C-alpha cells in the first residue's frame, strides 16, 4: 500500500512510504532537512511499522511539539488504522 501523508508543523510537506504486511519501505520526505530525512528513511527501511511508530512517537524538534520522526509515526499509525478498516 502506497501512503502519502501530509504532516503538520514541520519543514517537510509530505511523507511518502510503502506499507506492506506491516513492513515500511521506500520512505521519502518531500521538503525539509534532506540529510535527516535520508537517515530516518535508511533506519526505517524494512522495519516493522508498529516498532517504528513506537520509537518515533513523541519526539520533538526545538520548540515544536512534534518532529519529522513524530509526524512519520503519525502517518504510519494512520495507515495501519486504514488497513484495519
N, C-alpha and C. Protein backbone atom coordinates (compact mmCIF):
# COMPACT_ATOMS: atom_id res chain seq x y z
N UNK A 1 0.84 -1.17 0.00
CA UNK A 1 0.00 0.00 0.00
C UNK A 1 0.89 1.24 0.00
N UNK A 2 0.72 2.10 -0.98
CA UNK A 2 1.48 3.35 -1.02
C UNK A 2 0.74 4.37 -0.17
N UNK A 3 1.49 5.04 0.71
CA UNK A 3 0.92 6.01 1.64
C UNK A 3 1.52 7.38 1.34
N UNK A 4 0.66 8.39 1.25
CA UNK A 4 1.10 9.78 1.15
C UNK A 4 0.49 10.51 2.32
N UNK A 5 1.34 10.93 3.25
CA UNK A 5 0.88 11.57 4.48
C UNK A 5 1.27 13.04 4.46
N UNK A 6 0.33 13.92 4.78
CA UNK A 6 0.61 15.36 4.86
C UNK A 6 0.86 15.71 6.32
N UNK A 7 2.13 15.92 6.68
CA UNK A 7 2.46 16.26 8.06
C UNK A 7 2.12 17.71 8.38
N UNK A 8 2.11 18.04 9.66
CA UNK A 8 1.87 19.43 10.05
C UNK A 8 2.92 19.87 11.06
N UNK A 9 3.21 21.16 11.01
CA UNK A 9 4.15 21.82 11.93
C UNK A 9 5.59 21.33 11.83
N UNK A 10 5.99 20.86 10.64
CA UNK A 10 7.39 20.50 10.38
C UNK A 10 7.79 21.08 9.03
N UNK A 11 9.07 21.01 8.71
CA UNK A 11 9.58 21.56 7.45
C UNK A 11 9.13 20.74 6.25
N UNK A 12 9.09 19.43 6.38
CA UNK A 12 8.65 18.58 5.27
C UNK A 12 7.17 18.82 5.02
N UNK A 13 6.76 18.76 3.74
CA UNK A 13 5.35 18.98 3.44
C UNK A 13 4.63 17.71 3.00
N UNK A 14 5.38 16.61 2.85
CA UNK A 14 4.75 15.33 2.52
C UNK A 14 5.71 14.21 2.89
N UNK A 15 5.14 13.09 3.35
CA UNK A 15 5.92 11.89 3.63
C UNK A 15 5.26 10.76 2.83
N UNK A 16 6.06 10.11 2.01
CA UNK A 16 5.56 9.02 1.16
C UNK A 16 6.29 7.75 1.57
N UNK A 17 5.54 6.66 1.71
CA UNK A 17 6.16 5.38 2.03
C UNK A 17 5.24 4.24 1.62
N UNK A 18 5.81 3.06 1.53
CA UNK A 18 5.03 1.86 1.26
C UNK A 18 4.87 1.11 2.57
N UNK A 19 3.69 0.54 2.77
CA UNK A 19 3.39 -0.27 3.94
C UNK A 19 2.84 -1.59 3.45
N UNK A 20 3.62 -2.64 3.57
CA UNK A 20 3.23 -3.95 3.08
C UNK A 20 3.41 -4.99 4.17
N UNK A 21 2.30 -5.60 4.56
CA UNK A 21 2.31 -6.63 5.61
C UNK A 21 3.00 -6.13 6.88
N UNK A 22 2.75 -4.86 7.23
CA UNK A 22 3.29 -4.30 8.46
C UNK A 22 4.75 -3.86 8.37
N UNK A 23 5.32 -3.89 7.19
CA UNK A 23 6.72 -3.51 6.97
C UNK A 23 6.77 -2.21 6.17
N UNK A 24 7.64 -1.29 6.60
CA UNK A 24 7.79 0.01 5.95
C UNK A 24 8.94 -0.05 4.94
N UNK A 25 8.67 0.49 3.76
CA UNK A 25 9.69 0.53 2.71
C UNK A 25 9.56 1.84 1.91
N UNK A 26 10.66 2.20 1.25
CA UNK A 26 10.67 3.31 0.29
C UNK A 26 10.20 4.64 0.88
N UNK A 27 10.76 5.00 2.02
CA UNK A 27 10.37 6.24 2.70
C UNK A 27 11.01 7.44 2.01
N UNK A 28 10.19 8.45 1.71
CA UNK A 28 10.67 9.69 1.10
C UNK A 28 9.97 10.86 1.79
N UNK A 29 10.76 11.82 2.24
CA UNK A 29 10.24 13.07 2.78
C UNK A 29 10.39 14.13 1.70
N UNK A 30 9.36 14.92 1.48
CA UNK A 30 9.40 16.00 0.49
C UNK A 30 9.54 17.31 1.26
N UNK A 31 10.61 18.04 0.99
CA UNK A 31 10.90 19.29 1.69
C UNK A 31 11.62 19.03 3.00
N UNK A 32 12.18 20.06 3.56
CA UNK A 32 12.84 19.94 4.87
C UNK A 32 14.30 19.57 4.80
N UNK A 33 14.79 18.97 5.85
CA UNK A 33 16.22 18.66 6.05
C UNK A 33 16.60 17.35 5.38
N UNK A 34 17.16 17.44 4.21
CA UNK A 34 17.44 16.27 3.38
C UNK A 34 18.27 15.20 4.10
N UNK A 35 19.32 15.59 4.78
CA UNK A 35 20.19 14.61 5.44
C UNK A 35 19.48 13.86 6.55
N UNK A 36 18.74 14.58 7.38
CA UNK A 36 18.00 13.93 8.46
C UNK A 36 16.93 12.99 7.90
N UNK A 37 16.28 13.41 6.84
CA UNK A 37 15.24 12.58 6.26
C UNK A 37 15.81 11.32 5.63
N UNK A 38 16.96 11.43 5.00
CA UNK A 38 17.62 10.24 4.46
C UNK A 38 17.99 9.29 5.58
N UNK A 39 18.43 9.83 6.72
CA UNK A 39 18.79 8.99 7.86
C UNK A 39 17.56 8.27 8.41
N UNK A 40 16.47 8.99 8.60
CA UNK A 40 15.24 8.36 9.09
C UNK A 40 14.81 7.25 8.13
N UNK A 41 14.81 7.56 6.84
CA UNK A 41 14.39 6.59 5.83
C UNK A 41 15.27 5.35 5.86
N UNK A 42 16.57 5.55 5.95
CA UNK A 42 17.50 4.42 5.96
C UNK A 42 17.32 3.54 7.20
N UNK A 43 17.15 4.18 8.35
CA UNK A 43 16.99 3.42 9.59
C UNK A 43 15.66 2.67 9.65
N UNK A 44 14.66 3.16 8.93
CA UNK A 44 13.32 2.55 8.99
C UNK A 44 13.07 1.54 7.88
N UNK A 45 13.89 1.53 6.86
CA UNK A 45 13.69 0.64 5.72
C UNK A 45 13.63 -0.82 6.16
N UNK A 46 12.53 -1.47 5.81
CA UNK A 46 12.39 -2.89 6.08
C UNK A 46 12.01 -3.25 7.51
N UNK A 47 11.73 -2.25 8.33
CA UNK A 47 11.38 -2.50 9.73
C UNK A 47 9.87 -2.58 9.93
N UNK A 48 9.49 -3.17 11.03
CA UNK A 48 8.10 -3.29 11.41
C UNK A 48 7.50 -1.92 11.69
N UNK A 49 6.36 -1.63 11.09
CA UNK A 49 5.72 -0.32 11.20
C UNK A 49 5.38 0.04 12.65
N UNK A 50 4.85 -0.90 13.40
CA UNK A 50 4.47 -0.61 14.78
C UNK A 50 5.69 -0.29 15.64
N UNK A 51 6.80 -0.98 15.40
CA UNK A 51 8.04 -0.71 16.14
C UNK A 51 8.58 0.68 15.81
N UNK A 52 8.51 1.06 14.53
CA UNK A 52 8.97 2.39 14.12
C UNK A 52 8.12 3.45 14.82
N UNK A 53 6.80 3.29 14.76
CA UNK A 53 5.90 4.27 15.38
C UNK A 53 6.17 4.39 16.87
N UNK A 54 6.39 3.27 17.53
CA UNK A 54 6.68 3.29 18.97
C UNK A 54 7.97 4.06 19.25
N UNK A 55 8.97 3.88 18.41
CA UNK A 55 10.27 4.55 18.60
C UNK A 55 10.23 6.05 18.35
N UNK A 56 9.41 6.48 17.39
CA UNK A 56 9.44 7.87 16.95
C UNK A 56 8.34 8.75 17.55
N UNK A 57 7.29 8.15 18.06
CA UNK A 57 6.18 8.93 18.62
C UNK A 57 6.65 9.79 19.78
N UNK A 58 6.26 11.06 19.74
CA UNK A 58 6.55 11.98 20.83
C UNK A 58 7.86 12.74 20.72
N UNK A 59 8.68 12.43 19.71
CA UNK A 59 9.93 13.19 19.54
C UNK A 59 9.61 14.63 19.12
N UNK A 60 10.37 15.57 19.64
CA UNK A 60 10.15 16.98 19.31
C UNK A 60 11.36 17.55 18.58
N UNK A 61 11.16 18.72 17.98
CA UNK A 61 12.22 19.42 17.26
C UNK A 61 12.26 20.85 17.77
N UNK A 62 13.30 21.18 18.51
CA UNK A 62 13.41 22.53 19.07
C UNK A 62 12.18 22.85 19.90
N UNK A 63 11.59 24.04 19.69
CA UNK A 63 10.42 24.43 20.48
C UNK A 63 9.12 23.78 19.99
N UNK A 64 9.16 23.10 18.87
CA UNK A 64 7.95 22.47 18.34
C UNK A 64 7.55 21.28 19.21
N UNK A 65 6.26 20.98 19.23
CA UNK A 65 5.76 19.84 20.00
C UNK A 65 5.73 18.57 19.16
N UNK A 66 6.33 18.63 17.98
CA UNK A 66 6.40 17.49 17.08
C UNK A 66 7.74 17.53 16.35
N UNK A 67 7.97 16.57 15.49
CA UNK A 67 9.20 16.50 14.69
C UNK A 67 8.91 15.69 13.44
N UNK A 68 9.88 15.60 12.56
CA UNK A 68 9.69 14.78 11.36
C UNK A 68 9.46 13.32 11.75
N UNK A 69 10.21 12.84 12.73
CA UNK A 69 10.02 11.46 13.19
C UNK A 69 8.64 11.25 13.78
N UNK A 70 8.19 12.19 14.61
CA UNK A 70 6.87 12.10 15.22
C UNK A 70 5.78 12.12 14.16
N UNK A 71 5.91 12.99 13.18
CA UNK A 71 4.92 13.07 12.11
C UNK A 71 4.93 11.79 11.26
N UNK A 72 6.09 11.23 11.03
CA UNK A 72 6.19 9.96 10.30
C UNK A 72 5.46 8.87 11.10
N UNK A 73 5.67 8.85 12.40
CA UNK A 73 4.97 7.88 13.25
C UNK A 73 3.46 8.05 13.14
N UNK A 74 2.99 9.29 13.12
CA UNK A 74 1.55 9.54 12.98
C UNK A 74 1.03 9.03 11.64
N UNK A 75 1.83 9.23 10.60
CA UNK A 75 1.44 8.73 9.27
C UNK A 75 1.37 7.21 9.25
N UNK A 76 2.32 6.57 9.90
CA UNK A 76 2.32 5.11 9.97
C UNK A 76 1.08 4.62 10.72
N UNK A 77 0.81 5.21 11.88
CA UNK A 77 -0.34 4.80 12.68
C UNK A 77 -1.65 5.00 11.92
N UNK A 78 -1.75 6.11 11.21
CA UNK A 78 -2.94 6.38 10.41
C UNK A 78 -3.11 5.31 9.33
N UNK A 79 -2.01 4.96 8.66
CA UNK A 79 -2.06 3.95 7.61
C UNK A 79 -2.42 2.58 8.18
N UNK A 80 -1.89 2.24 9.33
CA UNK A 80 -2.23 0.97 9.98
C UNK A 80 -3.72 0.92 10.32
N UNK A 81 -4.27 2.03 10.78
CA UNK A 81 -5.69 2.08 11.09
C UNK A 81 -6.54 1.92 9.83
N UNK A 82 -6.10 2.54 8.75
CA UNK A 82 -6.84 2.42 7.48
C UNK A 82 -6.84 0.98 6.99
N UNK A 83 -5.73 0.28 7.19
CA UNK A 83 -5.65 -1.11 6.76
C UNK A 83 -6.61 -1.99 7.54
N UNK A 84 -6.84 -1.65 8.81
CA UNK A 84 -7.72 -2.46 9.65
C UNK A 84 -9.19 -2.30 9.25
N UNK A 85 -9.53 -1.12 8.68
CA UNK A 85 -10.94 -0.88 8.35
C UNK A 85 -11.33 -1.36 6.98
